[in-house]
Each structure stands twice: as structure tokens, then as C-alpha cells.
Amino acid sequence: MEIEKICSKARQLALDGYGDAIEKSFHAAYEAGQAIKELYGKPHDVQFKGEIDLVTEADYKSEAILTSALEGLGGAELMAEESTHDLTKREGRFWIVDPLDGTTNFAHGFPFFAPSVAFAQIDEKGYETLFGAVYVPLLGEFFWAIKGKGAYLNLDEIGVSKERELSRSLLATGFPYDVHQHPDDVMAAMKSMIVRAQGIRRAGAAAIDLVYVACGRFEGFWEKKLKPWDTAAGILVVTEAGGKVSDYKGGTYNPFVPEIVASNGLIHEQMTDILGNFSCQPTNT
């Protein structure tokens, strides 16, 4: 994978005035992923932020790379997983960053993790991701998208699966960090979906689950209680690849909504018909 060629192509497709920001952010995501890759499989310190929520030195090293590259770039504030950003402030331009999605996987030597970067604008019209990237370093796969310009895996444009039947679809999901306190909530939705889909995978990195929907490896994905940095980049890759994102009831989704369904669009209603029964949203938005 040649990051210079990817950045060159992205710059050619860049929205007016965002060429430098796209190039620098994509470079930073790549460098962060390479730093994580160098630490993978080596002894590491693990700190627990909660009962099962942890952080490693790879998270901090990746965040340092991303913060150094992105802070102040494009006149945007930085919102990152290991930061203390006030999530109630939802107006302006933001870099929404996950230094290492799949930290638990990384800590256990399970090769399914990625840094992700998104540039978002939030105003009276609502939320919009303008561009973003998810880099899976162990596979050398750099997923990226620019609003209105398509979605890409390295240099190749990607598109969602053409499968129309839920019964023939491979889906992905995830469990929230409070699953030990509320296992029945999670398993009720899982039970309803598992008997209707061809298969379900739970690999532990929402950003990768989303880009796998975008490139057709999964037909759909659902999860509750994610944070903005888990989905901000991935949702743009999905929609630019021809897919659809919503809340469980089919209503409007943005990364501050506490539940997400992403799909190839063709099975979306079949998924929301089931998952709507488990929604925490009072009404469609």
C-alpha cells in the first residue's frame, strides 16, 4: 500500500479548500496505524478505564501522532476517545478521532483494530462528515471517503453488496461496555437477528465493521451505545459506497445518536423492522 498515491488521489477529489486537511489527516491516520502495528504482539501495559474498557500505550502513541497532526488544522477542534472533550458541545467543525478502535483486540493479540479519523461539521442544519479514513494496518487496508466523491479501499472505488435478502446476509454487531450490567438487552436483539440472518460476526471494532459493510464483506451492522469516534468516519464510507445508515427505527442517524443500523440499503428495512423493537429512541428522528 502506498499512502502517497492514496493522498494524491484524495487531494484530486478534495472538496474546495480541504486539500491540505485531507492529505495531512490521511497521512496521520497511516502513521498512527504503523505505530500501532510496530507495537502489536509485544509486551504492553494495560490500564482499565472501566470493568472491561481498557487502554494501552498504543492508544496513547496513536493519539499523540493524530493530535500533533490535526490540532488546529482546518480551524477544527479535536474530539478523541482518550481526550476529555465536552460531548455536549455540538456546533462547529471537529476532527473526530479514534486512535485505536479495537483496543481489547490489540491487547489480546486479535488482529482486528484500526485508527480512524473524520472531519465533521455541525451547525443548525445538522451533522455532516465531510471526509474520513479508517486504516486497518495489519491488512494494509486504507478505507476512505470524501462526501460526494465516493468511497475507496486504497486506490480502488468500493461499493456495497447487492444482496436483497436478510436470510442470505452476513451481519456484524457489537456489545456495549456495560453489557455485564444489561446482558438481556443485548441478547434479545441478537436472538431476534440470528434466526433471520445467514450469519452474525462480533469482532469488536465498529469502525472496521462499518467499512466492511461499505466494501460488501458484510451486508449490515447494528450496535448500541457507541461514541462519536466509533462511527464518524465509517458512516461516510458506508453512504458514499451506496449504503444506508439510520437509528434502529430507520430514523436519521448521526454519531451522537445512541444506536446505529448500517447496511447495503437493500436489507435495511428488514433489519429495522426487527431492531425497531429494541430501540431506545422515543420516535423516528
Protein backbone atom coordinates (compact mmCIF):
# COMPACT_ATOMS: atom_id res chain seq x y z
CA MET A 1 0.00 0.00 0.00
CA GLU A 2 1.40 3.40 -0.99
CA ILE A 3 -0.02 6.18 1.15
CA GLU A 4 1.44 8.87 -1.13
CA LYS A 5 -0.65 7.63 -4.06
CA ILE A 6 -3.76 7.47 -1.89
CA CYS A 7 -3.22 11.01 -0.62
CA SER A 8 -2.58 12.26 -4.15
CA LYS A 9 -5.83 10.74 -5.38
CA ALA A 10 -7.74 12.07 -2.38
CA ARG A 11 -6.34 15.55 -2.93
CA GLN A 12 -7.53 15.47 -6.55
CA LEU A 13 -11.03 14.63 -5.31
CA ALA A 14 -10.92 17.05 -2.37
CA LEU A 15 -13.69 19.47 -1.59
CA ASP A 16 -12.73 23.08 -2.24
CA GLY A 17 -10.36 24.35 0.43
CA TYR A 18 -9.85 20.97 2.11
CA GLY A 19 -6.97 19.51 0.11
CA ASP A 20 -4.31 20.09 2.76
CA ALA A 21 -6.56 18.88 5.57
CA ILE A 22 -7.43 15.68 3.74
CA GLU A 23 -3.82 14.92 2.85
CA LYS A 24 -2.46 15.64 6.34
CA SER A 25 -5.21 13.71 8.11
CA PHE A 26 -4.84 10.67 5.87
CA HIS A 27 -1.07 10.72 6.40
CA ALA A 28 -1.64 10.96 10.15
CA ALA A 29 -4.05 8.01 10.15
CA TYR A 30 -1.49 5.95 8.25
CA GLU A 31 1.36 6.91 10.58
CA ALA A 32 -0.80 6.14 13.62
CA GLY A 33 -1.63 2.74 12.21
CA GLN A 34 2.01 1.99 11.51
CA ALA A 35 2.91 2.93 15.08
CA ILE A 36 0.23 0.56 16.39
CA LYS A 37 1.48 -2.18 14.07
CA GLU A 38 5.02 -1.84 15.45
CA LEU A 39 3.71 -2.38 18.99
CA TYR A 40 1.46 -5.31 18.08
CA GLY A 41 2.49 -8.62 19.61
CA LYS A 42 4.96 -7.03 22.02
CA PRO A 43 4.60 -6.83 25.82
CA HIS A 44 2.46 -3.85 26.78
CA ASP A 45 0.93 -2.15 29.78
CA VAL A 46 -2.84 -2.26 30.06
CA GLN A 47 -4.90 0.18 32.11
CA PHE A 48 -8.60 -0.25 32.80
CA LYS A 49 -10.97 2.71 32.38
CA GLY A 50 -13.93 0.56 33.46
CA GLU A 51 -14.81 -3.03 34.23
CA ILE A 52 -13.97 -4.23 30.70
CA ASP A 53 -12.95 -0.96 28.98
CA LEU A 54 -9.19 -0.68 28.68
CA VAL A 55 -6.41 1.45 27.19
CA THR A 56 -2.85 0.62 26.14
CA GLU A 57 0.29 2.55 25.26
CA ALA A 58 -0.66 2.01 21.61
CA ASP A 59 -3.77 4.15 22.16
CA TYR A 60 -1.68 6.96 23.60
CA LYS A 61 1.04 6.75 20.96
CA SER A 62 -1.53 6.78 18.17
CA GLU A 63 -3.39 9.68 19.74
CA ALA A 64 -0.16 11.68 20.11
CA ILE A 65 0.52 11.27 16.39
CA LEU A 66 -3.01 12.24 15.43
CA THR A 67 -3.21 15.15 17.86
CA SER A 68 0.10 16.60 16.68
CA ALA A 69 -1.02 16.46 13.06
CA LEU A 70 -4.63 17.56 13.43
CA GLU A 71 -4.88 20.02 16.31
CA GLY A 72 -5.97 23.36 14.86
CA LEU A 73 -5.90 22.04 11.28
CA GLY A 74 -8.79 23.33 9.20
CA GLY A 75 -9.96 25.51 12.08
CA ALA A 76 -11.45 22.45 13.75
CA GLU A 77 -11.48 21.24 17.34
CA LEU A 78 -10.26 17.78 18.23
CA MET A 79 -12.65 15.20 19.66
CA ALA A 80 -10.87 11.95 20.50
CA GLU A 81 -11.55 8.84 22.57
CA GLU A 82 -8.76 9.36 25.07
CA SER A 83 -9.40 13.12 25.33
CA THR A 84 -11.73 14.94 27.69
CA HIS A 85 -13.71 16.82 25.05
CA ASP A 86 -17.12 18.09 26.16
CA LEU A 87 -19.53 15.97 24.13
CA THR A 88 -22.36 18.42 24.89
CA LYS A 89 -20.72 20.98 22.60
CA ARG A 90 -22.13 20.04 19.24
CA GLU A 91 -21.63 23.02 16.98
CA GLY A 92 -18.64 23.85 14.84
CA ARG A 93 -16.04 21.88 12.93
CA PHE A 94 -14.40 18.86 14.52
CA TRP A 95 -11.77 16.24 13.98
CA ILE A 96 -13.46 13.15 15.41
CA VAL A 97 -10.71 10.64 16.10
CA ASP A 98 -10.40 7.12 17.46
CA PRO A 99 -6.69 6.43 17.98
CA LEU A 100 -7.31 2.70 18.27
CA ASP A 101 -10.71 1.15 17.69
CA GLY A 102 -10.46 -2.40 18.95
CA THR A 103 -8.13 -1.85 21.90
CA THR A 104 -9.26 -5.08 23.57
CA ASN A 105 -8.44 -6.96 20.38
CA PHE A 106 -5.00 -5.35 20.24
CA ALA A 107 -4.29 -6.18 23.88
CA HIS A 108 -5.18 -9.84 23.35
CA GLY A 109 -3.33 -10.23 20.06
CA PHE A 110 -6.51 -10.47 17.99
CA PRO A 111 -5.70 -8.77 14.65
CA PHE A 112 -8.81 -6.64 14.18
CA PHE A 113 -8.21 -2.99 15.05
CA ALA A 114 -7.80 0.38 13.39
CA PRO A 115 -7.32 4.10 13.95
CA SER A 116 -9.96 6.29 12.35
CA VAL A 117 -10.21 9.99 11.53
CA ALA A 118 -13.19 12.06 10.43
CA PHE A 119 -13.69 15.75 9.70
CA ALA A 120 -17.21 16.82 10.62
CA GLN A 121 -19.29 19.96 10.52
CA ILE A 122 -22.15 20.53 12.94
CA ASP A 123 -24.48 23.51 12.60
CA GLU A 124 -28.16 24.44 12.60
CA LYS A 125 -28.66 22.22 9.55
CA GLY A 126 -27.39 19.19 11.43
CA TYR A 127 -24.40 16.87 11.36
CA GLU A 128 -22.22 16.12 8.34
CA THR A 129 -18.99 14.14 7.92
CA LEU A 130 -17.07 15.75 5.05
CA PHE A 131 -14.26 13.21 4.79
CA GLY A 132 -12.76 10.39 6.79
CA ALA A 133 -10.48 7.36 6.85
CA VAL A 134 -10.18 4.02 8.63
CA TYR A 135 -6.81 2.26 8.38
CA VAL A 136 -6.50 -1.46 9.15
CA PRO A 137 -2.72 -1.69 9.50
CA LEU A 138 -2.20 -5.45 9.70
CA LEU A 139 -4.04 -5.92 6.40
CA GLY A 140 -2.65 -2.81 4.72
CA GLU A 141 -6.21 -1.67 4.00
CA PHE A 142 -6.87 2.08 3.96
CA PHE A 143 -10.58 2.84 3.65
CA TRP A 144 -11.50 6.45 2.92
CA ALA A 145 -14.28 8.63 1.60
CA ILE A 146 -14.97 12.23 0.66
CA LYS A 147 -18.54 13.47 0.67
CA GLY A 148 -19.97 13.32 -2.83
CA LYS A 149 -16.81 11.72 -4.25
CA GLY A 150 -17.26 8.03 -3.45
CA ALA A 151 -15.66 5.51 -1.11
CA TYR A 152 -12.34 3.78 -1.61
CA LEU A 153 -10.16 0.91 -0.41
CA ASN A 154 -6.62 2.06 -1.06
CA LEU A 155 -6.86 3.28 -4.69
CA ASP A 156 -9.96 1.34 -5.75
CA GLU A 157 -13.53 2.58 -5.50
CA ILE A 158 -15.77 0.28 -3.46
CA GLY A 159 -19.48 -0.44 -3.27
CA VAL A 160 -21.88 -2.29 -1.01
CA SER A 161 -23.20 -5.81 -1.50
CA LYS A 162 -26.14 -6.38 -3.85
CA GLU A 163 -27.79 -8.97 -1.61
CA ARG A 164 -31.51 -8.30 -1.10
CA GLU A 165 -32.44 -10.99 1.41
CA LEU A 166 -31.66 -10.83 5.12
CA SER A 167 -31.67 -14.63 5.22
CA ARG A 168 -28.67 -14.65 2.87
CA SER A 169 -26.82 -11.80 4.58
CA LEU A 170 -23.74 -11.81 6.78
CA LEU A 171 -24.17 -9.23 9.54
CA ALA A 172 -21.95 -7.72 12.22
CA THR A 173 -22.74 -6.36 15.66
CA GLY A 174 -21.04 -5.31 18.87
CA PHE A 175 -21.68 -5.22 22.60
CA PRO A 176 -21.53 -2.08 24.77
CA TYR A 177 -19.10 -1.79 27.65
CA ASP A 178 -21.95 -2.14 30.15
CA VAL A 179 -23.02 -5.50 28.71
CA HIS A 180 -22.29 -7.17 32.06
CA GLN A 181 -24.95 -4.98 33.68
CA HIS A 182 -27.53 -5.33 30.89
CA PRO A 183 -26.92 -8.62 29.05
CA ASP A 184 -30.59 -9.27 28.36
CA ASP A 185 -30.95 -6.05 26.33
CA VAL A 186 -28.11 -7.04 24.03
CA MET A 187 -29.03 -10.69 23.69
CA ALA A 188 -32.69 -10.04 22.93
CA ALA A 189 -31.75 -8.19 19.76
CA MET A 190 -29.10 -10.78 18.93
CA LYS A 191 -31.59 -13.62 19.35
CA SER A 192 -34.08 -11.93 17.04
CA MET A 193 -31.47 -11.31 14.35
CA ILE A 194 -29.53 -14.56 14.48
CA VAL A 195 -32.51 -16.68 13.42
CA ARG A 196 -33.14 -14.44 10.40
CA ALA A 197 -29.65 -13.79 9.03
CA GLN A 198 -27.27 -16.20 7.34
CA GLY A 199 -24.64 -15.40 9.95
CA ILE A 200 -23.51 -12.83 12.50
CA ARG A 201 -19.99 -11.78 13.44
CA ARG A 202 -18.97 -9.91 16.58
CA ALA A 203 -15.32 -8.91 16.11
CA GLY A 204 -15.04 -5.85 18.35
CA ALA A 205 -14.22 -2.82 16.17
CA ALA A 206 -17.19 -0.81 14.92
CA ALA A 207 -15.13 1.31 12.53
CA ILE A 208 -14.00 -1.83 10.69
CA ASP A 209 -17.48 -3.34 10.79
CA LEU A 210 -18.76 -0.24 9.02
CA VAL A 211 -16.15 -0.19 6.28
CA TYR A 212 -16.71 -3.91 5.77
CA VAL A 213 -20.35 -3.07 5.05
CA ALA A 214 -19.11 -0.45 2.60
CA CYS A 215 -16.97 -2.91 0.63
CA GLY A 216 -19.54 -5.71 0.64
CA ARG A 217 -17.95 -8.08 3.16
CA PHE A 218 -20.93 -7.56 5.46
CA GLU A 219 -24.47 -6.75 4.36
CA GLY A 220 -25.34 -4.99 7.61
CA PHE A 221 -24.25 -3.91 11.09
CA TRP A 222 -26.03 -2.78 14.25
CA GLU A 223 -24.95 -1.68 17.71
CA LYS A 224 -25.98 0.47 20.68
CA LYS A 225 -24.12 2.90 22.92
CA LEU A 226 -21.28 3.75 20.58
CA LYS A 227 -19.40 7.05 20.85
CA PRO A 228 -18.97 9.61 18.03
CA TRP A 229 -15.40 8.49 17.30
CA ASP A 230 -16.57 4.90 16.77
CA THR A 231 -18.72 5.76 13.74
CA ALA A 232 -17.91 9.23 12.36
CA ALA A 233 -15.53 8.03 9.64
CA GLY A 234 -17.23 4.72 8.92
CA ILE A 235 -20.69 6.10 8.26
CA LEU A 236 -19.40 8.30 5.45
CA VAL A 237 -17.59 5.35 3.87
CA VAL A 238 -20.85 3.37 4.01
CA THR A 239 -23.05 6.06 2.48
CA GLU A 240 -20.52 7.00 -0.19
CA ALA A 241 -20.33 3.30 -1.12
CA GLY A 242 -24.08 3.29 -1.72
CA GLY A 243 -25.20 2.04 1.68
CA LYS A 244 -27.55 3.43 4.30
CA VAL A 245 -27.31 4.34 7.99
CA SER A 246 -30.10 5.05 10.47
CA ASP A 247 -31.16 4.51 14.05
CA TYR A 248 -32.92 1.25 14.96
CA LYS A 249 -36.27 2.60 13.80
CA GLY A 250 -35.00 3.85 10.47
CA GLY A 251 -34.73 7.47 11.60
CA THR A 252 -31.90 9.90 10.95
CA TYR A 253 -28.52 8.89 12.35
CA ASN A 254 -25.51 10.94 13.38
CA PRO A 255 -22.64 9.87 15.66
CA PHE A 256 -24.35 11.35 18.72
CA VAL A 257 -27.38 9.06 18.33
CA PRO A 258 -27.07 6.10 20.75
CA GLU A 259 -27.88 3.34 18.24
CA ILE A 260 -26.94 2.58 14.65
CA VAL A 261 -28.00 0.35 11.79
CA ALA A 262 -25.80 0.35 8.69
CA SER A 263 -26.50 -1.75 5.63
CA ASN A 264 -26.24 -2.10 1.89
CA GLY A 265 -29.61 -0.35 1.77
CA LEU A 266 -31.32 -3.34 0.22
CA ILE A 267 -31.86 -5.18 3.51
CA HIS A 268 -32.16 -2.05 5.64
CA GLU A 269 -35.91 -2.16 6.19
CA GLN A 270 -35.72 -5.85 7.03
CA MET A 271 -33.20 -5.01 9.74
CA THR A 272 -35.07 -2.02 11.17
CA ASP A 273 -38.34 -3.96 11.21
CA ILE A 274 -36.65 -6.22 13.77
CA LEU A 275 -34.35 -3.81 15.58
CA GLY A 276 -37.02 -1.13 15.96
CA ASN A 277 -38.45 -3.29 18.74
CA PHE A 278 -35.24 -2.75 20.71
CA SER A 279 -34.79 0.97 20.06
CA CYS A 280 -34.04 3.45 22.81
CA GLN A 281 -35.24 6.29 20.57
CA PRO A 282 -38.73 7.54 21.54
CA THR A 283 -39.72 8.32 17.94
CA ASN A 284 -38.16 8.40 14.49
CA THR A 285 -35.93 11.46 14.09
